[in-house]
């Protein structure tokens, strides 16, 4: 399942949507649907006293999605890699990226798939991010070219 293919918003930035694993997509769909169905069931059964709780849960999930989940995109251009998840943006100078390699690490990251790429941009665990571009090959080609990295299969590194 693909959110979006690589798109050019303007001449300076190419955006890649996140690949979405079916089970993550199902979980993300169920989270807002369950409280919505509960609200409808409460309203049709006449149990309106519990309805505000259902509405509050639905509103919380919706705000959470807008805040940190939708959209998940990765932009390459203007000398930087931009990782966007909801209202948040992490900007990484391309010159700071030392290596990129495949991983299936399940730790929390702005990626909607376990088919991920580990992007190291400094020393230590906190100077890395995991991404899951839907168009992985094009993303790696674009990143290698713009960051002056050497590509060997699904790995990128400095010369």
C-alpha atoms as a PDB file:
ATOM      1  CA  UNK A   1       0.000   0.000   0.000  1.00  0.00           C
ATOM      2  CA  UNK A   2       1.459   3.372  -0.957  1.00  0.00           C
ATOM      3  CA  UNK A   3       0.472   6.748   0.421  1.00  0.00           C
ATOM      4  CA  UNK A   4       2.015   8.779  -2.394  1.00  0.00           C
ATOM      5  CA  UNK A   5       4.677   8.408  -5.030  1.00  0.00           C
ATOM      6  CA  UNK A   6       7.553  10.839  -5.269  1.00  0.00           C
ATOM      7  CA  UNK A   7       6.244  14.276  -6.185  1.00  0.00           C
ATOM      8  CA  UNK A   8       7.839  17.598  -6.930  1.00  0.00           C
ATOM      9  CA  UNK A   9       6.152  20.380  -4.995  1.00  0.00           C
ATOM     10  CA  UNK A  10       8.518  22.912  -6.470  1.00  0.00           C
ATOM     11  CA  UNK A  11      11.919  22.829  -8.183  1.00  0.00           C
ATOM     12  CA  UNK A  12      13.791  22.576  -4.889  1.00  0.00           C
ATOM     13  CA  UNK A  13      12.162  19.685  -2.994  1.00  0.00           C
ATOM     14  CA  UNK A  14      11.086  16.186  -4.052  1.00  0.00           C
ATOM     15  CA  UNK A  15       8.650  14.497  -1.624  1.00  0.00           C
ATOM     16  CA  UNK A  16       8.244  10.787  -0.993  1.00  0.00           C
ATOM     17  CA  UNK A  17       5.272   9.289   0.811  1.00  0.00           C
ATOM     18  CA  UNK A  18       5.706   6.572   3.421  1.00  0.00           C
ATOM     19  CA  UNK A  19       5.145   2.956   2.565  1.00  0.00           C
ATOM     20  CA  UNK A  20       2.263   1.626   4.713  1.00  0.00           C
ATOM     21  CA  UNK A  21       2.222  -1.959   6.008  1.00  0.00           C
ATOM     22  CA  UNK A  22      -1.285  -3.471   5.872  1.00  0.00           C
ATOM     23  CA  UNK A  23      -1.445  -4.103   9.615  1.00  0.00           C
ATOM     24  CA  UNK A  24      -0.320  -0.572  10.457  1.00  0.00           C
ATOM     25  CA  UNK A  25      -2.889   0.782   8.002  1.00  0.00           C
ATOM     26  CA  UNK A  26      -5.564  -1.370   9.640  1.00  0.00           C
ATOM     27  CA  UNK A  27      -4.606  -0.161  13.127  1.00  0.00           C
ATOM     28  CA  UNK A  28      -4.546   3.460  11.977  1.00  0.00           C
ATOM     29  CA  UNK A  29      -7.967   3.049  10.392  1.00  0.00           C
ATOM     30  CA  UNK A  30      -9.489   1.272  13.389  1.00  0.00           C
ATOM     31  CA  UNK A  31      -8.339   3.838  15.965  1.00  0.00           C
ATOM     32  CA  UNK A  32     -10.731   6.613  14.844  1.00  0.00           C
ATOM     33  CA  UNK A  33     -13.460   4.289  13.485  1.00  0.00           C
ATOM     34  CA  UNK A  34     -14.062   2.451  16.784  1.00  0.00           C
ATOM     35  CA  UNK A  35     -14.986   5.573  18.819  1.00  0.00           C
ATOM     36  CA  UNK A  36     -16.998   6.912  15.866  1.00  0.00           C
ATOM     37  CA  UNK A  37     -19.041   3.692  15.678  1.00  0.00           C
ATOM     38  CA  UNK A  38     -19.472   3.812  19.470  1.00  0.00           C
ATOM     39  CA  UNK A  39     -20.797   7.381  19.191  1.00  0.00           C
ATOM     40  CA  UNK A  40     -23.281   6.356  16.508  1.00  0.00           C
ATOM     41  CA  UNK A  41     -24.396   3.352  18.577  1.00  0.00           C
ATOM     42  CA  UNK A  42     -24.833   5.528  21.676  1.00  0.00           C
ATOM     43  CA  UNK A  43     -26.790   8.168  19.746  1.00  0.00           C
ATOM     44  CA  UNK A  44     -29.118   5.649  18.076  1.00  0.00           C
ATOM     45  CA  UNK A  45     -29.736   3.728  21.310  1.00  0.00           C
ATOM     46  CA  UNK A  46     -30.644   6.891  23.193  1.00  0.00           C
ATOM     47  CA  UNK A  47     -27.728   6.652  25.678  1.00  0.00           C
ATOM     48  CA  UNK A  48     -26.777  10.259  25.177  1.00  0.00           C
ATOM     49  CA  UNK A  49     -25.223  10.659  28.634  1.00  0.00           C
ATOM     50  CA  UNK A  50     -22.161   8.600  27.489  1.00  0.00           C
ATOM     51  CA  UNK A  51     -21.973  10.355  24.109  1.00  0.00           C
ATOM     52  CA  UNK A  52     -19.605  13.164  25.253  1.00  0.00           C
ATOM     53  CA  UNK A  53     -17.009  10.548  26.263  1.00  0.00           C
ATOM     54  CA  UNK A  54     -17.162   8.928  22.825  1.00  0.00           C
ATOM     55  CA  UNK A  55     -16.901  12.301  21.112  1.00  0.00           C
ATOM     56  CA  UNK A  56     -13.924  13.240  23.314  1.00  0.00           C
ATOM     57  CA  UNK A  57     -12.095   9.994  22.464  1.00  0.00           C
ATOM     58  CA  UNK A  58     -12.760  10.488  18.736  1.00  0.00           C
ATOM     59  CA  UNK A  59     -11.586  14.123  18.913  1.00  0.00           C
ATOM     60  CA  UNK A  60      -8.434  13.084  20.799  1.00  0.00           C
ATOM     61  CA  UNK A  61      -7.544  10.473  18.162  1.00  0.00           C
ATOM     62  CA  UNK A  62      -8.234  12.940  15.336  1.00  0.00           C
ATOM     63  CA  UNK A  63      -6.023  15.598  16.951  1.00  0.00           C
ATOM     64  CA  UNK A  64      -3.295  13.025  17.545  1.00  0.00           C
ATOM     65  CA  UNK A  65      -3.369  12.027  13.864  1.00  0.00           C
ATOM     66  CA  UNK A  66      -3.162  15.644  12.697  1.00  0.00           C
ATOM     67  CA  UNK A  67      -0.426  16.381  15.236  1.00  0.00           C
ATOM     68  CA  UNK A  68       1.971  13.501  14.669  1.00  0.00           C
ATOM     69  CA  UNK A  69       0.730  10.973  12.122  1.00  0.00           C
ATOM     70  CA  UNK A  70      -0.752  12.330   8.911  1.00  0.00           C
ATOM     71  CA  UNK A  71       1.014  12.928   6.580  1.00  0.00           C
ATOM     72  CA  UNK A  72       4.275  11.007   6.834  1.00  0.00           C
ATOM     73  CA  UNK A  73       6.549  12.276   4.064  1.00  0.00           C
ATOM     74  CA  UNK A  74      10.222  12.639   3.300  1.00  0.00           C
ATOM     75  CA  UNK A  75      11.574  15.519   1.242  1.00  0.00           C
ATOM     76  CA  UNK A  76      14.971  15.789  -0.404  1.00  0.00           C
ATOM     77  CA  UNK A  77      16.249  19.104  -1.706  1.00  0.00           C
ATOM     78  CA  UNK A  78      17.758  22.466  -0.773  1.00  0.00           C
ATOM     79  CA  UNK A  79      20.696  20.643   0.807  1.00  0.00           C
ATOM     80  CA  UNK A  80      18.532  18.850   3.381  1.00  0.00           C
ATOM     81  CA  UNK A  81      16.419  15.820   4.125  1.00  0.00           C
ATOM     82  CA  UNK A  82      13.078  16.829   5.630  1.00  0.00           C
ATOM     83  CA  UNK A  83      11.167  14.200   7.619  1.00  0.00           C
ATOM     84  CA  UNK A  84       7.556  15.308   8.062  1.00  0.00           C
ATOM     85  CA  UNK A  85       5.100  13.556  10.354  1.00  0.00           C
ATOM     86  CA  UNK A  86       1.902  15.444  11.102  1.00  0.00           C
ATOM     87  CA  UNK A  87       2.735  19.001  12.135  1.00  0.00           C
ATOM     88  CA  UNK A  88       6.325  18.035  13.028  1.00  0.00           C
ATOM     89  CA  UNK A  89       9.318  18.451  10.754  1.00  0.00           C
ATOM     90  CA  UNK A  90      12.891  17.296  11.251  1.00  0.00           C
ATOM     91  CA  UNK A  91      15.427  18.907   8.928  1.00  0.00           C
ATOM     92  CA  UNK A  92      18.739  17.115   8.423  1.00  0.00           C
ATOM     93  CA  UNK A  93      21.547  18.714   6.407  1.00  0.00           C
ATOM     94  CA  UNK A  94      22.509  16.301   3.619  1.00  0.00           C
ATOM     95  CA  UNK A  95      26.174  16.914   4.414  1.00  0.00           C
ATOM     96  CA  UNK A  96      25.611  15.440   7.905  1.00  0.00           C
ATOM     97  CA  UNK A  97      24.326  12.083   6.598  1.00  0.00           C
ATOM     98  CA  UNK A  98      27.093   9.501   6.974  1.00  0.00           C
ATOM     99  CA  UNK A  99      25.245   6.316   6.050  1.00  0.00           C
ATOM    100  CA  UNK A 100      21.869   4.829   5.168  1.00  0.00           C
ATOM    101  CA  UNK A 101      21.042   1.140   5.467  1.00  0.00           C
ATOM    102  CA  UNK A 102      17.969  -1.140   5.579  1.00  0.00           C
ATOM    103  CA  UNK A 103      16.471  -2.122   8.925  1.00  0.00           C
ATOM    104  CA  UNK A 104      13.323  -3.688  10.314  1.00  0.00           C
ATOM    105  CA  UNK A 105      13.784  -2.093  13.728  1.00  0.00           C
ATOM    106  CA  UNK A 106      10.315  -1.772  15.342  1.00  0.00           C
ATOM    107  CA  UNK A 107      11.179   1.227  17.527  1.00  0.00           C
ATOM    108  CA  UNK A 108       8.989   4.284  17.153  1.00  0.00           C
ATOM    109  CA  UNK A 109       9.842   6.401  14.138  1.00  0.00           C
ATOM    110  CA  UNK A 110       8.161   8.498  11.436  1.00  0.00           C
ATOM    111  CA  UNK A 111       7.621   5.419   9.261  1.00  0.00           C
ATOM    112  CA  UNK A 112       4.389   3.536   8.561  1.00  0.00           C
ATOM    113  CA  UNK A 113       6.168   0.317   7.576  1.00  0.00           C
ATOM    114  CA  UNK A 114       8.783  -1.949   9.112  1.00  0.00           C
ATOM    115  CA  UNK A 115      10.534  -1.926   5.715  1.00  0.00           C
ATOM    116  CA  UNK A 116      12.734   0.963   6.842  1.00  0.00           C
ATOM    117  CA  UNK A 117      15.946   2.784   6.116  1.00  0.00           C
ATOM    118  CA  UNK A 118      18.194   3.864   8.990  1.00  0.00           C
ATOM    119  CA  UNK A 119      19.588   7.334   8.252  1.00  0.00           C
ATOM    120  CA  UNK A 120      22.628   8.160  10.405  1.00  0.00           C
ATOM    121  CA  UNK A 121      23.456  11.871  10.544  1.00  0.00           C
ATOM    122  CA  UNK A 122      25.828  12.128  13.480  1.00  0.00           C
ATOM    123  CA  UNK A 123      27.306  10.111  16.286  1.00  0.00           C
ATOM    124  CA  UNK A 124      25.011   8.192  18.576  1.00  0.00           C
ATOM    125  CA  UNK A 125      21.490   6.820  18.583  1.00  0.00           C
ATOM    126  CA  UNK A 126      19.847  10.258  18.837  1.00  0.00           C
ATOM    127  CA  UNK A 127      21.458  11.358  15.578  1.00  0.00           C
ATOM    128  CA  UNK A 128      19.553   8.867  13.445  1.00  0.00           C
ATOM    129  CA  UNK A 129      16.068   8.512  12.030  1.00  0.00           C
ATOM    130  CA  UNK A 130      14.227   5.610  10.403  1.00  0.00           C
ATOM    131  CA  UNK A 131      12.167   6.287   7.279  1.00  0.00           C
ATOM    132  CA  UNK A 132      10.080   4.056   4.999  1.00  0.00           C
ATOM    133  CA  UNK A 133       9.734   5.694   1.571  1.00  0.00           C
ATOM    134  CA  UNK A 134       7.221   3.998  -0.722  1.00  0.00           C
ATOM    135  CA  UNK A 135       9.506   4.507  -3.730  1.00  0.00           C
ATOM    136  CA  UNK A 136      12.637   3.238  -1.997  1.00  0.00           C
ATOM    137  CA  UNK A 137      14.858   2.954  -5.083  1.00  0.00           C
ATOM    138  CA  UNK A 138      14.115   6.469  -6.303  1.00  0.00           C
ATOM    139  CA  UNK A 139      14.543   7.830  -2.772  1.00  0.00           C
ATOM    140  CA  UNK A 140      17.961   6.160  -2.429  1.00  0.00           C
ATOM    141  CA  UNK A 141      19.051   7.343  -5.895  1.00  0.00           C
ATOM    142  CA  UNK A 142      17.937  10.901  -5.163  1.00  0.00           C
ATOM    143  CA  UNK A 143      19.529  10.938  -1.696  1.00  0.00           C
ATOM    144  CA  UNK A 144      22.805   9.444  -2.998  1.00  0.00           C
ATOM    145  CA  UNK A 145      23.026  12.025  -5.762  1.00  0.00           C
ATOM    146  CA  UNK A 146      22.155  15.077  -3.684  1.00  0.00           C
ATOM    147  CA  UNK A 147      24.122  14.075  -0.569  1.00  0.00           C
ATOM    148  CA  UNK A 148      27.171  12.832  -2.538  1.00  0.00           C
ATOM    149  CA  UNK A 149      26.836   9.340  -1.073  1.00  0.00           C
ATOM    150  CA  UNK A 150      27.929   6.082  -2.698  1.00  0.00           C
ATOM    151  CA  UNK A 151      25.142   3.566  -3.313  1.00  0.00           C
ATOM    152  CA  UNK A 152      25.766  -0.167  -2.928  1.00  0.00           C
ATOM    153  CA  UNK A 153      22.407  -1.919  -3.238  1.00  0.00           C
ATOM    154  CA  UNK A 154      20.123  -0.517  -0.511  1.00  0.00           C
ATOM    155  CA  UNK A 155      23.054   1.043   1.389  1.00  0.00           C
ATOM    156  CA  UNK A 156      24.510   4.523   1.097  1.00  0.00           C
ATOM    157  CA  UNK A 157      27.788   5.676   2.604  1.00  0.00           C
ATOM    158  CA  UNK A 158      30.415   8.380   2.381  1.00  0.00           C
ATOM    159  CA  UNK A 159      33.450   7.666   0.210  1.00  0.00           C
END
